[in-house]
Amino acid sequence: MPRQRFDIAELLNAAGLAGLIMVLLIAYVDQFAGHDLPCPLCLLQRVAIAGVAFGLLLNLRYGPQPSSYGIMLLAALFGMAVAGRQVMLHISPGTGSYGAPLFGLHLYTWSFLLFAAVILGTAILLLVPRPTSPVQPLSRHLQYGLAWAAIGIIALNALTTFLQCGPLECPDNPVHYWAFAR
């Protein structure tokens, strides 16, 4: 009986999307269980994660495309710039930090490393050749599950951002949700 072959790029795109979903879930655990509201730079990093997830979703739906990888790279570069800015704001002695550390590093430092990994991973994915013989596609249930999980957590992020900031600019150091402060 011949072994089923899978498209390695499709598997890596699915794994990347699952990883980003986990990153956003960890951020939500920190936000709600740790009572640690995200600052405006943190929210922009989540937007960049959503941009990378969008590129991965496009790849899972339509197959790997250079334009989808371009979206991922641009989103990761934006996220890396925002996370790098936040790291630089807190790197000087006496400036303090924002939020509690996770495994010794703050979430914005982990975010910087995540975006660097996305850039490296995207470059590697661009080098993966397309299969020349028929391969077993990923389960549609897995693809739909990942897609709806990503869409759901990104939509939840939009909702909680509005509840936190309202229709105006977010405060630099948020201490409460705008929607519940009245």
N, C-alpha and C. Protein backbone atom coordinates (compact mmCIF):
# COMPACT_ATOMS: atom_id res chain seq x y z
N MET A 1 0.84 -1.18 0.00
CA MET A 1 0.00 0.00 0.00
C MET A 1 0.89 1.24 0.00
N PRO A 2 0.75 2.13 -0.98
CA PRO A 2 1.61 3.31 -1.04
C PRO A 2 1.25 4.31 0.06
N ARG A 3 2.28 4.98 0.56
CA ARG A 3 2.08 6.00 1.58
C ARG A 3 1.46 7.24 0.95
N GLN A 4 0.61 7.90 1.71
CA GLN A 4 0.03 9.17 1.26
C GLN A 4 1.06 10.26 1.45
N ARG A 5 1.26 11.08 0.44
CA ARG A 5 2.17 12.21 0.53
C ARG A 5 1.36 13.49 0.72
N PHE A 6 1.87 14.36 1.57
CA PHE A 6 1.21 15.64 1.82
C PHE A 6 2.07 16.75 1.25
N ASP A 7 1.45 17.86 0.94
CA ASP A 7 2.16 19.06 0.49
C ASP A 7 2.77 19.71 1.72
N ILE A 8 4.10 19.75 1.78
CA ILE A 8 4.78 20.27 2.96
C ILE A 8 4.45 21.75 3.19
N ALA A 9 4.30 22.50 2.10
CA ALA A 9 3.95 23.92 2.26
C ALA A 9 2.58 24.07 2.90
N GLU A 10 1.63 23.23 2.51
CA GLU A 10 0.29 23.30 3.08
C GLU A 10 0.33 22.94 4.57
N LEU A 11 1.11 21.92 4.91
CA LEU A 11 1.25 21.54 6.32
C LEU A 11 1.88 22.66 7.14
N LEU A 12 2.92 23.30 6.59
CA LEU A 12 3.59 24.38 7.32
C LEU A 12 2.70 25.61 7.45
N ASN A 13 1.91 25.90 6.42
CA ASN A 13 0.96 27.02 6.52
C ASN A 13 -0.08 26.74 7.60
N ALA A 14 -0.60 25.51 7.65
CA ALA A 14 -1.58 25.14 8.67
C ALA A 14 -0.95 25.21 10.07
N ALA A 15 0.27 24.72 10.20
CA ALA A 15 0.96 24.76 11.50
C ALA A 15 1.21 26.21 11.93
N GLY A 16 1.60 27.05 10.98
CA GLY A 16 1.82 28.47 11.29
C GLY A 16 0.55 29.15 11.76
N LEU A 17 -0.57 28.85 11.08
CA LEU A 17 -1.84 29.45 11.49
C LEU A 17 -2.25 28.96 12.88
N ALA A 18 -2.07 27.67 13.13
CA ALA A 18 -2.38 27.14 14.47
C ALA A 18 -1.51 27.80 15.53
N GLY A 19 -0.25 28.05 15.20
CA GLY A 19 0.64 28.72 16.14
C GLY A 19 0.20 30.15 16.44
N LEU A 20 -0.24 30.87 15.41
CA LEU A 20 -0.71 32.24 15.63
C LEU A 20 -1.99 32.27 16.45
N ILE A 21 -2.85 31.30 16.23
CA ILE A 21 -4.06 31.20 17.05
C ILE A 21 -3.67 31.01 18.51
N MET A 22 -2.68 30.16 18.76
CA MET A 22 -2.22 29.92 20.13
C MET A 22 -1.61 31.19 20.73
N VAL A 23 -0.86 31.94 19.95
CA VAL A 23 -0.26 33.19 20.44
C VAL A 23 -1.37 34.16 20.88
N LEU A 24 -2.40 34.30 20.05
CA LEU A 24 -3.49 35.21 20.42
C LEU A 24 -4.25 34.69 21.63
N LEU A 25 -4.40 33.38 21.76
CA LEU A 25 -5.06 32.83 22.94
C LEU A 25 -4.24 33.11 24.20
N ILE A 26 -2.92 32.98 24.11
CA ILE A 26 -2.05 33.29 25.25
C ILE A 26 -2.17 34.77 25.62
N ALA A 27 -2.24 35.63 24.62
CA ALA A 27 -2.41 37.06 24.89
C ALA A 27 -3.74 37.31 25.60
N TYR A 28 -4.78 36.58 25.21
CA TYR A 28 -6.07 36.74 25.87
C TYR A 28 -6.06 36.20 27.30
N VAL A 29 -5.37 35.11 27.54
CA VAL A 29 -5.24 34.60 28.91
C VAL A 29 -4.56 35.66 29.77
N ASP A 30 -3.50 36.26 29.24
CA ASP A 30 -2.81 37.31 29.98
C ASP A 30 -3.73 38.51 30.21
N GLN A 31 -4.51 38.87 29.20
CA GLN A 31 -5.40 40.03 29.29
C GLN A 31 -6.50 39.82 30.32
N PHE A 32 -7.14 38.65 30.30
CA PHE A 32 -8.30 38.45 31.17
C PHE A 32 -7.94 37.79 32.50
N ALA A 33 -7.14 36.75 32.49
CA ALA A 33 -6.78 36.10 33.74
C ALA A 33 -5.77 36.93 34.52
N GLY A 34 -4.84 37.58 33.80
CA GLY A 34 -3.83 38.40 34.46
C GLY A 34 -4.24 39.83 34.66
N HIS A 35 -5.45 40.19 34.21
CA HIS A 35 -5.95 41.57 34.31
C HIS A 35 -4.91 42.57 33.78
N ASP A 36 -4.37 42.26 32.60
CA ASP A 36 -3.31 43.05 31.99
C ASP A 36 -3.81 43.57 30.65
N LEU A 37 -4.40 44.77 30.67
CA LEU A 37 -4.94 45.34 29.44
C LEU A 37 -3.82 45.66 28.46
N PRO A 38 -4.02 45.35 27.18
CA PRO A 38 -2.97 45.63 26.19
C PRO A 38 -2.88 47.13 25.90
N CYS A 39 -1.65 47.59 25.76
CA CYS A 39 -1.41 48.99 25.41
C CYS A 39 -1.62 49.17 23.90
N PRO A 40 -1.62 50.41 23.40
CA PRO A 40 -1.81 50.62 21.97
C PRO A 40 -0.78 49.89 21.09
N LEU A 41 0.48 49.85 21.53
CA LEU A 41 1.49 49.13 20.75
C LEU A 41 1.21 47.62 20.75
N CYS A 42 0.71 47.11 21.87
CA CYS A 42 0.33 45.69 21.93
C CYS A 42 -0.80 45.40 20.96
N LEU A 43 -1.77 46.30 20.91
CA LEU A 43 -2.89 46.12 19.99
C LEU A 43 -2.43 46.15 18.53
N LEU A 44 -1.46 47.02 18.22
CA LEU A 44 -0.92 47.05 16.86
C LEU A 44 -0.18 45.76 16.53
N GLN A 45 0.47 45.17 17.51
CA GLN A 45 1.13 43.88 17.28
C GLN A 45 0.10 42.80 16.99
N ARG A 46 -1.04 42.87 17.64
CA ARG A 46 -2.11 41.91 17.35
C ARG A 46 -2.66 42.12 15.93
N VAL A 47 -2.72 43.36 15.48
CA VAL A 47 -3.13 43.64 14.10
C VAL A 47 -2.14 43.00 13.13
N ALA A 48 -0.86 43.12 13.43
CA ALA A 48 0.16 42.51 12.57
C ALA A 48 0.02 40.98 12.56
N ILE A 49 -0.28 40.39 13.71
CA ILE A 49 -0.51 38.94 13.76
C ILE A 49 -1.70 38.58 12.89
N ALA A 50 -2.74 39.41 12.94
CA ALA A 50 -3.91 39.16 12.08
C ALA A 50 -3.53 39.25 10.61
N GLY A 51 -2.64 40.17 10.25
CA GLY A 51 -2.18 40.28 8.87
C GLY A 51 -1.43 39.04 8.41
N VAL A 52 -0.56 38.52 9.28
CA VAL A 52 0.16 37.28 8.96
C VAL A 52 -0.84 36.13 8.82
N ALA A 53 -1.81 36.08 9.73
CA ALA A 53 -2.82 35.02 9.68
C ALA A 53 -3.63 35.10 8.38
N PHE A 54 -3.91 36.32 7.92
CA PHE A 54 -4.63 36.50 6.66
C PHE A 54 -3.86 35.89 5.49
N GLY A 55 -2.55 36.13 5.45
CA GLY A 55 -1.73 35.53 4.40
C GLY A 55 -1.75 34.01 4.47
N LEU A 56 -1.68 33.47 5.67
CA LEU A 56 -1.74 32.00 5.84
C LEU A 56 -3.10 31.45 5.43
N LEU A 57 -4.16 32.17 5.77
CA LEU A 57 -5.50 31.75 5.36
C LEU A 57 -5.62 31.72 3.83
N LEU A 58 -5.08 32.73 3.17
CA LEU A 58 -5.11 32.76 1.71
C LEU A 58 -4.36 31.56 1.13
N ASN A 59 -3.21 31.24 1.73
CA ASN A 59 -2.44 30.09 1.26
C ASN A 59 -3.19 28.78 1.45
N LEU A 60 -3.88 28.65 2.56
CA LEU A 60 -4.64 27.42 2.79
C LEU A 60 -5.84 27.32 1.86
N ARG A 61 -6.44 28.44 1.53
CA ARG A 61 -7.63 28.42 0.68
C ARG A 61 -7.30 28.27 -0.80
N TYR A 62 -6.29 29.02 -1.27
CA TYR A 62 -6.00 29.06 -2.71
C TYR A 62 -4.68 28.41 -3.10
N GLY A 63 -3.98 27.85 -2.11
CA GLY A 63 -2.66 27.30 -2.38
C GLY A 63 -1.61 28.38 -2.22
N PRO A 64 -0.38 27.98 -1.97
CA PRO A 64 0.69 28.96 -1.76
C PRO A 64 0.86 29.88 -2.97
N GLN A 65 0.83 31.18 -2.70
CA GLN A 65 0.97 32.21 -3.72
C GLN A 65 2.00 33.23 -3.25
N PRO A 66 2.82 33.74 -4.15
CA PRO A 66 3.78 34.78 -3.74
C PRO A 66 3.10 36.00 -3.11
N SER A 67 1.91 36.38 -3.61
CA SER A 67 1.24 37.54 -3.04
C SER A 67 0.82 37.30 -1.58
N SER A 68 0.42 36.08 -1.27
CA SER A 68 0.06 35.76 0.12
C SER A 68 1.29 35.83 1.02
N TYR A 69 2.41 35.33 0.53
CA TYR A 69 3.64 35.43 1.30
C TYR A 69 4.08 36.89 1.44
N GLY A 70 3.81 37.69 0.41
CA GLY A 70 4.12 39.12 0.50
C GLY A 70 3.32 39.80 1.60
N ILE A 71 2.03 39.44 1.70
CA ILE A 71 1.19 39.98 2.78
C ILE A 71 1.77 39.59 4.13
N MET A 72 2.18 38.33 4.25
CA MET A 72 2.75 37.86 5.50
C MET A 72 4.02 38.62 5.85
N LEU A 73 4.89 38.82 4.86
CA LEU A 73 6.15 39.53 5.11
C LEU A 73 5.91 40.98 5.51
N LEU A 74 5.01 41.66 4.80
CA LEU A 74 4.73 43.05 5.14
C LEU A 74 4.12 43.16 6.54
N ALA A 75 3.20 42.27 6.88
CA ALA A 75 2.60 42.30 8.21
C ALA A 75 3.65 42.01 9.29
N ALA A 76 4.53 41.03 9.01
CA ALA A 76 5.58 40.69 9.99
C ALA A 76 6.57 41.83 10.15
N LEU A 77 6.93 42.50 9.06
CA LEU A 77 7.84 43.65 9.18
C LEU A 77 7.20 44.78 9.97
N PHE A 78 5.91 45.03 9.73
CA PHE A 78 5.19 46.04 10.52
C PHE A 78 5.18 45.63 12.00
N GLY A 79 4.82 44.39 12.28
CA GLY A 79 4.79 43.91 13.66
C GLY A 79 6.15 43.97 14.33
N MET A 80 7.18 43.63 13.57
CA MET A 80 8.53 43.68 14.12
C MET A 80 8.93 45.12 14.45
N ALA A 81 8.54 46.07 13.61
CA ALA A 81 8.85 47.48 13.87
C ALA A 81 8.13 47.96 15.12
N VAL A 82 6.85 47.61 15.26
CA VAL A 82 6.08 48.03 16.43
C VAL A 82 6.63 47.39 17.70
N ALA A 83 6.89 46.06 17.64
CA ALA A 83 7.43 45.37 18.82
C ALA A 83 8.83 45.90 19.15
N GLY A 84 9.64 46.16 18.12
CA GLY A 84 10.97 46.71 18.36
C GLY A 84 10.90 48.08 19.02
N ARG A 85 9.94 48.89 18.59
CA ARG A 85 9.73 50.21 19.23
C ARG A 85 9.40 50.04 20.70
N GLN A 86 8.53 49.08 21.00
CA GLN A 86 8.15 48.88 22.39
C GLN A 86 9.31 48.34 23.22
N VAL A 87 10.10 47.46 22.64
CA VAL A 87 11.29 46.97 23.35
C VAL A 87 12.22 48.14 23.64
N MET A 88 12.43 48.99 22.65
CA MET A 88 13.33 50.14 22.84
C MET A 88 12.80 51.12 23.88
N LEU A 89 11.49 51.26 24.00
CA LEU A 89 10.92 52.15 25.02
C LEU A 89 11.23 51.66 26.43
N HIS A 90 11.39 50.35 26.59
CA HIS A 90 11.55 49.78 27.93
C HIS A 90 12.94 49.21 28.18
N ILE A 91 13.86 49.43 27.26
CA ILE A 91 15.19 48.83 27.42
C ILE A 91 16.12 49.69 28.27
N SER A 92 15.86 50.98 28.34
CA SER A 92 16.70 51.88 29.12
C SER A 92 16.47 51.66 30.61
N PRO A 93 17.53 51.70 31.41
CA PRO A 93 17.37 51.55 32.86
C PRO A 93 16.46 52.63 33.42
N GLY A 94 15.58 52.24 34.30
CA GLY A 94 14.70 53.18 34.97
C GLY A 94 13.40 53.46 34.24
N THR A 95 13.22 52.91 33.05
CA THR A 95 11.98 53.17 32.31
C THR A 95 10.88 52.19 32.67
N GLY A 96 11.22 51.13 33.37
CA GLY A 96 10.22 50.15 33.74
C GLY A 96 9.84 49.29 32.54
N SER A 97 8.79 48.52 32.73
CA SER A 97 8.32 47.64 31.65
C SER A 97 6.81 47.67 31.64
N TYR A 98 6.24 47.03 30.64
CA TYR A 98 4.78 46.98 30.56
C TYR A 98 4.36 45.53 30.64
N GLY A 99 3.54 45.21 31.61
CA GLY A 99 3.05 43.85 31.78
C GLY A 99 4.04 42.97 32.49
N ALA A 100 3.56 41.79 32.85
CA ALA A 100 4.39 40.82 33.55
C ALA A 100 5.15 39.97 32.53
N PRO A 101 6.36 39.56 32.89
CA PRO A 101 7.12 38.71 31.96
C PRO A 101 6.55 37.30 31.87
N LEU A 102 6.79 36.67 30.75
CA LEU A 102 6.41 35.28 30.50
C LEU A 102 7.69 34.53 30.15
N PHE A 103 8.08 33.59 30.99
CA PHE A 103 9.34 32.86 30.82
C PHE A 103 10.53 33.82 30.70
N GLY A 104 10.51 34.87 31.50
CA GLY A 104 11.63 35.79 31.59
C GLY A 104 11.62 36.94 30.60
N LEU A 105 10.73 36.91 29.60
CA LEU A 105 10.66 37.98 28.61
C LEU A 105 9.24 38.55 28.60
N HIS A 106 9.14 39.83 28.31
CA HIS A 106 7.83 40.47 28.20
C HIS A 106 7.19 40.10 26.87
N LEU A 107 5.88 40.21 26.80
CA LEU A 107 5.16 39.80 25.59
C LEU A 107 5.63 40.55 24.36
N TYR A 108 5.99 41.82 24.50
CA TYR A 108 6.46 42.56 23.33
C TYR A 108 7.80 42.04 22.84
N THR A 109 8.63 41.52 23.72
CA THR A 109 9.89 40.90 23.29
C THR A 109 9.61 39.59 22.58
N TRP A 110 8.69 38.80 23.14
CA TRP A 110 8.28 37.56 22.46
C TRP A 110 7.69 37.87 21.10
N SER A 111 6.94 38.96 21.02
CA SER A 111 6.32 39.37 19.76
C SER A 111 7.40 39.70 18.72
N PHE A 112 8.42 40.42 19.13
CA PHE A 112 9.53 40.74 18.22
C PHE A 112 10.15 39.45 17.69
N LEU A 113 10.40 38.50 18.59
CA LEU A 113 10.99 37.22 18.17
C LEU A 113 10.03 36.44 17.27
N LEU A 114 8.73 36.50 17.56
CA LEU A 114 7.74 35.83 16.72
C LEU A 114 7.77 36.38 15.30
N PHE A 115 7.80 37.69 15.15
CA PHE A 115 7.80 38.27 13.81
C PHE A 115 9.10 37.96 13.07
N ALA A 116 10.21 37.90 13.79
CA ALA A 116 11.46 37.46 13.15
C ALA A 116 11.33 36.02 12.66
N ALA A 117 10.70 35.17 13.46
CA ALA A 117 10.49 33.77 13.06
C ALA A 117 9.54 33.68 11.86
N VAL A 118 8.53 34.55 11.82
CA VAL A 118 7.60 34.56 10.67
C VAL A 118 8.35 34.94 9.40
N ILE A 119 9.22 35.93 9.49
CA ILE A 119 9.99 36.34 8.32
C ILE A 119 10.89 35.20 7.85
N LEU A 120 11.58 34.55 8.78
CA LEU A 120 12.42 33.42 8.43
C LEU A 120 11.59 32.27 7.85
N GLY A 121 10.48 31.95 8.52
CA GLY A 121 9.62 30.86 8.05
C GLY A 121 9.03 31.14 6.68
N THR A 122 8.65 32.38 6.43
CA THR A 122 8.10 32.73 5.12
C THR A 122 9.17 32.60 4.04
N ALA A 123 10.38 33.01 4.35
CA ALA A 123 11.47 32.85 3.39
C ALA A 123 11.70 31.37 3.07
N ILE A 124 11.64 30.54 4.08
CA ILE A 124 11.80 29.10 3.87
C ILE A 124 10.64 28.56 3.04
N LEU A 125 9.42 28.98 3.35
CA LEU A 125 8.26 28.52 2.59
C LEU A 125 8.35 28.92 1.11
N LEU A 126 8.94 30.07 0.85
CA LEU A 126 9.11 30.50 -0.55
C LEU A 126 10.08 29.59 -1.31
N LEU A 127 10.93 28.89 -0.58
CA LEU A 127 11.89 27.99 -1.20
C LEU A 127 11.36 26.57 -1.38
N VAL A 128 10.25 26.25 -0.74
CA VAL A 128 9.70 24.89 -0.82
C VAL A 128 9.09 24.69 -2.20
N PRO A 129 9.57 23.68 -2.93
CA PRO A 129 9.01 23.45 -4.28
C PRO A 129 7.60 22.87 -4.20
N ARG A 130 6.82 23.20 -5.20
CA ARG A 130 5.47 22.64 -5.31
C ARG A 130 5.59 21.17 -5.67
N PRO A 131 4.73 20.32 -5.14
CA PRO A 131 4.80 18.90 -5.49
C PRO A 131 4.50 18.68 -6.97
N THR A 132 5.24 17.76 -7.57
CA THR A 132 5.03 17.45 -8.98
C THR A 132 4.08 16.28 -9.18
N SER A 133 3.89 15.48 -8.15
CA SER A 133 2.96 14.36 -8.24
C SER A 133 1.78 14.62 -7.31
N PRO A 134 0.68 13.93 -7.52
CA PRO A 134 -0.50 14.16 -6.67
C PRO A 134 -0.19 13.92 -5.19
N VAL A 135 -0.74 14.78 -4.38
CA VAL A 135 -0.56 14.68 -2.93
C VAL A 135 -1.92 14.68 -2.26
N GLN A 136 -1.95 14.17 -1.05
CA GLN A 136 -3.17 14.15 -0.24
C GLN A 136 -3.38 15.54 0.34
N PRO A 137 -4.50 16.21 0.02
CA PRO A 137 -4.73 17.53 0.62
C PRO A 137 -5.06 17.39 2.10
N LEU A 138 -4.85 18.48 2.83
CA LEU A 138 -5.25 18.49 4.24
C LEU A 138 -6.76 18.33 4.33
N SER A 139 -7.19 17.78 5.40
CA SER A 139 -8.61 17.61 5.64
C SER A 139 -9.32 18.95 5.57
N ARG A 140 -10.42 18.99 4.86
CA ARG A 140 -11.21 20.23 4.78
C ARG A 140 -11.71 20.62 6.17
N HIS A 141 -11.99 19.63 7.01
CA HIS A 141 -12.43 19.94 8.38
C HIS A 141 -11.33 20.66 9.14
N LEU A 142 -10.08 20.23 8.95
CA LEU A 142 -8.96 20.89 9.61
C LEU A 142 -8.79 22.31 9.07
N GLN A 143 -8.86 22.46 7.75
CA GLN A 143 -8.72 23.79 7.16
C GLN A 143 -9.83 24.72 7.63
N TYR A 144 -11.06 24.26 7.61
CA TYR A 144 -12.19 25.09 8.05
C TYR A 144 -12.10 25.39 9.54
N GLY A 145 -11.70 24.40 10.32
CA GLY A 145 -11.55 24.61 11.76
C GLY A 145 -10.51 25.69 12.06
N LEU A 146 -9.35 25.60 11.39
CA LEU A 146 -8.32 26.62 11.59
C LEU A 146 -8.79 27.99 11.12
N ALA A 147 -9.46 28.00 9.96
CA ALA A 147 -9.94 29.28 9.41
C ALA A 147 -10.94 29.93 10.35
N TRP A 148 -11.91 29.18 10.83
CA TRP A 148 -12.92 29.76 11.70
C TRP A 148 -12.35 30.13 13.07
N ALA A 149 -11.39 29.35 13.56
CA ALA A 149 -10.74 29.71 14.83
C ALA A 149 -9.98 31.02 14.67
N ALA A 150 -9.25 31.18 13.57
CA ALA A 150 -8.50 32.42 13.33
C ALA A 150 -9.45 33.60 13.16
N ILE A 151 -10.48 33.43 12.36
CA ILE A 151 -11.45 34.51 12.15
C ILE A 151 -12.14 34.87 13.46
N GLY A 152 -12.49 33.86 14.24
CA GLY A 152 -13.16 34.10 15.52
C GLY A 152 -12.30 34.87 16.50
N ILE A 153 -11.05 34.47 16.65
CA ILE A 153 -10.21 35.15 17.64
C ILE A 153 -9.82 36.55 17.16
N ILE A 154 -9.71 36.75 15.85
CA ILE A 154 -9.42 38.09 15.34
C ILE A 154 -10.64 38.99 15.51
N ALA A 155 -11.84 38.45 15.27
CA ALA A 155 -13.06 39.23 15.49
C ALA A 155 -13.22 39.56 16.97
N LEU A 156 -12.91 38.60 17.84
CA LEU A 156 -12.97 38.84 19.29
C LEU A 156 -11.98 39.94 19.67
N ASN A 157 -10.82 39.93 19.04
CA ASN A 157 -9.84 40.98 19.31
C ASN A 157 -10.38 42.35 18.91
N ALA A 158 -11.05 42.42 17.76
CA ALA A 158 -11.64 43.70 17.33
C ALA A 158 -12.69 44.17 18.34
N LEU A 159 -13.51 43.25 18.80
CA LEU A 159 -14.56 43.59 19.77
C LEU A 159 -13.95 44.06 21.10
N THR A 160 -13.01 43.31 21.64
CA THR A 160 -12.44 43.70 22.93
C THR A 160 -11.62 44.98 22.81
N THR A 161 -11.03 45.23 21.64
CA THR A 161 -10.32 46.49 21.44
C THR A 161 -11.30 47.65 21.48
N PHE A 162 -12.45 47.49 20.83
CA PHE A 162 -13.46 48.55 20.89
C PHE A 162 -13.97 48.73 22.32
N LEU A 163 -14.20 47.64 23.04
CA LEU A 163 -14.65 47.75 24.42
C LEU A 163 -13.61 48.45 25.29
N GLN A 164 -12.35 48.24 24.98
CA GLN A 164 -11.28 48.86 25.76
C GLN A 164 -11.06 50.32 25.38
N CYS A 165 -11.05 50.61 24.10
CA CYS A 165 -10.67 51.96 23.63
C CYS A 165 -11.85 52.82 23.24
N GLY A 166 -12.95 52.20 22.83
CA GLY A 166 -14.07 52.97 22.33
C GLY A 166 -13.77 53.48 20.94
N PRO A 167 -14.49 54.50 20.52
CA PRO A 167 -14.30 55.01 19.16
C PRO A 167 -13.11 55.96 19.03
N LEU A 168 -12.45 56.25 20.13
CA LEU A 168 -11.36 57.21 20.13
C LEU A 168 -10.02 56.49 20.29
N GLU A 169 -8.98 57.28 20.43
CA GLU A 169 -7.64 56.75 20.61
C GLU A 169 -7.52 56.05 21.96
N CYS A 170 -6.80 54.94 21.98
CA CYS A 170 -6.59 54.19 23.23
C CYS A 170 -5.64 54.96 24.14
N PRO A 171 -5.86 54.87 25.44
CA PRO A 171 -4.92 55.51 26.37
C PRO A 171 -3.58 54.78 26.35
N ASP A 172 -2.50 55.52 26.62
CA ASP A 172 -1.17 54.93 26.62
C ASP A 172 -1.01 53.83 27.66
N ASN A 173 -1.62 54.01 28.80
CA ASN A 173 -1.51 53.04 29.88
C ASN A 173 -2.93 52.70 30.35
N PRO A 174 -3.62 51.81 29.64
CA PRO A 174 -5.02 51.54 29.97
C PRO A 174 -5.16 50.84 31.32
N VAL A 175 -6.18 51.28 32.08
CA VAL A 175 -6.44 50.68 33.39
C VAL A 175 -7.85 50.11 33.49
N HIS A 176 -8.70 50.42 32.52
CA HIS A 176 -10.07 49.90 32.53
C HIS A 176 -10.61 49.90 31.11
N TYR A 177 -11.72 49.22 30.93
CA TYR A 177 -12.40 49.19 29.64
C TYR A 177 -13.27 50.43 29.50
N TRP A 178 -13.17 51.09 28.35
CA TRP A 178 -13.95 52.28 28.07
C TRP A 178 -15.45 51.97 28.20
N ALA A 179 -15.90 50.84 27.70
CA ALA A 179 -17.32 50.51 27.68
C ALA A 179 -17.89 50.28 29.08
N PHE A 180 -17.06 49.97 30.04
CA PHE A 180 -17.56 49.65 31.40
C PHE A 180 -17.19 50.71 32.42
N ALA A 181 -16.63 51.83 31.99
CA ALA A 181 -16.15 52.85 32.92
C ALA A 181 -17.24 53.82 33.36
N ARG A 182 -18.41 53.71 32.82
CA ARG A 182 -19.45 54.71 33.12
C ARG A 182 -20.26 54.35 34.31
